[in-house]
Every structure is written in C-alpha cells, then in structure tokens.
C-alpha cells in the first residue's frame, strides 16, 4: 500500500491558507471581518475587522512553515508597521469612516508541512 504525499505549498498558497485560518479564528473570537486583502497603491491590509466595542481591528497575518528566518511576527518591523498605519488611513477614507478607535494586531502562524498550524494572536502589537 502506498501513501500519497501532499505536495508542498508555494509561499503564496501558504500565506493564503494562513489568512483564511486567521479570519476564521477572528470570527470565532466574535470579530466581524470587514475586508480581506484590501489594496491601494501604497500597500495592502490583510484583515480589517471590528470588535464588539466597535473598534477597528487591523490584523497583519504572517505565516511561515518554519523558523529558519525567525518567528513569523518578527517580519513586522517598524517600517512595515508604519506602512500598515498609513494604508489604514486610506482604507478609512475609501470607506468614508472618520477617525475611530483602532487596534493593530499581528496574527503569527507557524504551519509546518507535516503538522498542525500554531496560531498566536498578538493584540495591540504596534
């Protein structure tokens, strides 16, 4: 009897699966996802949601299959956080939302090809 081997995912496919898992996780926590992969010329927001208090929650999702290049959340440096904040202003303007309370989170997913995903939700990460 032979076992069929699961083909390796491309980084894009792994990232998409990570974002799907993150959205499912957030909805399970009671958040309402408003946008996914929203783009403008300045960048992209992975997930924009709102919590029970009406606060805007912007989540950057980082998914990795291993830690050879560090933990997934370590990829969100000061420059990346600054860009996410700027793109969030563009998202609010595009949706005619004036200033509102906003939290910036990171969802870090370590998902090795041979095992289950490990998700860590860093609330108010930057």
Protein backbone atom coordinates (compact mmCIF):
# COMPACT_ATOMS: atom_id res chain seq x y z
CA UNK A 1 0.00 0.00 0.00
CA UNK A 2 1.42 3.37 -0.94
CA UNK A 3 0.67 6.67 0.71
CA UNK A 4 0.05 9.71 -1.40
CA UNK A 5 2.35 12.55 -0.38
CA UNK A 6 0.94 16.01 -0.01
CA UNK A 7 2.66 18.40 -2.37
CA UNK A 8 4.46 21.37 -0.85
CA UNK A 9 2.61 24.66 -0.87
CA UNK A 10 4.07 27.72 -2.53
CA UNK A 11 4.68 30.69 -0.22
CA UNK A 12 1.65 32.42 -1.76
CA UNK A 13 -0.59 29.39 -1.11
CA UNK A 14 0.73 29.04 2.45
CA UNK A 15 0.07 32.74 3.05
CA UNK A 16 -3.49 32.45 1.70
CA UNK A 17 -4.22 29.46 3.91
CA UNK A 18 -2.81 31.35 6.88
CA UNK A 19 -5.05 34.32 6.18
CA UNK A 20 -8.07 32.02 5.84
CA UNK A 21 -7.23 30.46 9.21
CA UNK A 22 -6.71 33.89 10.79
CA UNK A 23 -10.09 35.18 9.54
CA UNK A 24 -11.82 32.03 10.84
CA UNK A 25 -10.06 32.46 14.19
CA UNK A 26 -11.05 36.14 14.49
CA UNK A 27 -14.68 35.39 13.66
CA UNK A 28 -14.60 32.69 16.35
CA UNK A 29 -13.43 35.38 18.78
CA UNK A 30 -16.51 37.46 17.94
CA UNK A 31 -14.94 39.90 15.49
CA UNK A 32 -16.67 40.80 12.24
CA UNK A 33 -14.36 40.78 9.23
CA UNK A 34 -14.99 43.84 7.06
CA UNK A 35 -12.22 43.46 4.45
CA UNK A 36 -9.59 40.96 3.42
CA UNK A 37 -6.57 41.69 1.24
CA UNK A 38 -7.63 45.30 0.71
CA UNK A 39 -5.19 47.04 -1.62
CA UNK A 40 -4.30 50.56 -2.61
CA UNK A 41 -1.21 51.94 -4.36
CA UNK A 42 0.59 52.26 -1.00
CA UNK A 43 0.12 48.68 0.16
CA UNK A 44 -2.27 46.02 1.43
CA UNK A 45 -4.17 45.24 4.61
CA UNK A 46 -4.57 41.51 5.30
CA UNK A 47 -7.66 41.70 7.53
CA UNK A 48 -9.76 44.63 8.72
CA UNK A 49 -12.37 43.74 11.33
CA UNK A 50 -14.42 45.29 14.08
CA UNK A 51 -14.84 44.05 17.62
CA UNK A 52 -17.86 44.05 19.93
CA UNK A 53 -16.99 47.58 21.12
CA UNK A 54 -17.00 48.91 17.55
CA UNK A 55 -13.24 49.32 17.50
CA UNK A 56 -11.48 48.83 14.18
CA UNK A 57 -9.00 45.94 14.34
CA UNK A 58 -6.36 45.77 11.61
CA UNK A 59 -4.55 42.43 11.53
CA UNK A 60 -1.31 41.69 9.77
CA UNK A 61 -1.06 37.94 9.18
CA UNK A 62 2.35 36.30 8.92
CA UNK A 63 2.51 32.60 8.10
CA UNK A 64 5.70 30.56 7.92
CA UNK A 65 6.43 26.86 7.53
CA UNK A 66 9.45 27.07 9.82
CA UNK A 67 11.60 29.41 11.89
CA UNK A 68 14.78 29.41 9.78
CA UNK A 69 14.25 33.14 9.19
CA UNK A 70 12.82 33.85 12.65
CA UNK A 71 9.33 33.71 14.08
CA UNK A 72 6.57 34.91 11.73
CA UNK A 73 5.72 38.01 13.80
CA UNK A 74 9.34 39.18 13.66
CA UNK A 75 8.76 40.06 9.98
CA UNK A 76 6.64 43.04 11.08
CA UNK A 77 9.27 45.69 11.68
CA UNK A 78 8.90 49.44 12.26
CA UNK A 79 8.73 50.24 8.53
CA UNK A 80 6.05 47.61 7.92
CA UNK A 81 4.01 48.85 10.90
CA UNK A 82 4.27 52.45 9.63
CA UNK A 83 3.06 51.38 6.17
CA UNK A 84 0.12 49.47 7.69
CA UNK A 85 -0.90 52.55 9.68
CA UNK A 86 -0.73 54.70 6.52
CA UNK A 87 -2.74 52.19 4.47
CA UNK A 88 -5.32 52.03 7.30
CA UNK A 89 -5.90 55.78 6.85
CA UNK A 90 -6.51 55.11 3.14
CA UNK A 91 -8.92 52.26 3.97
CA UNK A 92 -10.91 54.52 6.31
CA UNK A 93 -11.05 57.27 3.68
CA UNK A 94 -12.16 54.80 0.99
CA UNK A 95 -14.97 53.60 3.29
CA UNK A 96 -15.93 57.13 4.48
CA UNK A 97 -15.03 56.31 8.08
CA UNK A 98 -13.72 59.25 10.08
CA UNK A 99 -11.25 58.75 12.88
CA UNK A 100 -12.15 55.80 15.08
CA UNK A 101 -10.50 53.80 17.83
CA UNK A 102 -8.14 51.38 16.06
CA UNK A 103 -6.06 48.46 17.29
CA UNK A 104 -3.23 46.94 15.28
CA UNK A 105 -2.70 43.20 15.78
CA UNK A 106 -0.39 40.56 14.38
CA UNK A 107 -1.52 37.00 13.84
CA UNK A 108 1.54 34.79 13.70
CA UNK A 109 1.07 31.31 12.25
CA UNK A 110 3.70 28.61 12.22
CA UNK A 111 2.45 25.86 9.92
CA UNK A 112 4.98 23.14 9.15
CA UNK A 113 4.07 20.92 6.20
CA UNK A 114 3.95 17.83 8.41
CA UNK A 115 1.97 19.16 11.33
CA UNK A 116 -0.89 21.34 12.59
CA UNK A 117 -0.82 25.11 12.50
CA UNK A 118 0.15 27.04 15.63
CA UNK A 119 -1.54 30.43 15.76
CA UNK A 120 -0.55 33.26 18.09
CA UNK A 121 -2.68 36.42 18.28
CA UNK A 122 -0.69 39.47 19.37
CA UNK A 123 -3.25 42.14 20.28
CA UNK A 124 -2.13 45.75 20.11
CA UNK A 125 1.21 44.69 18.68
CA UNK A 126 2.05 48.16 17.34
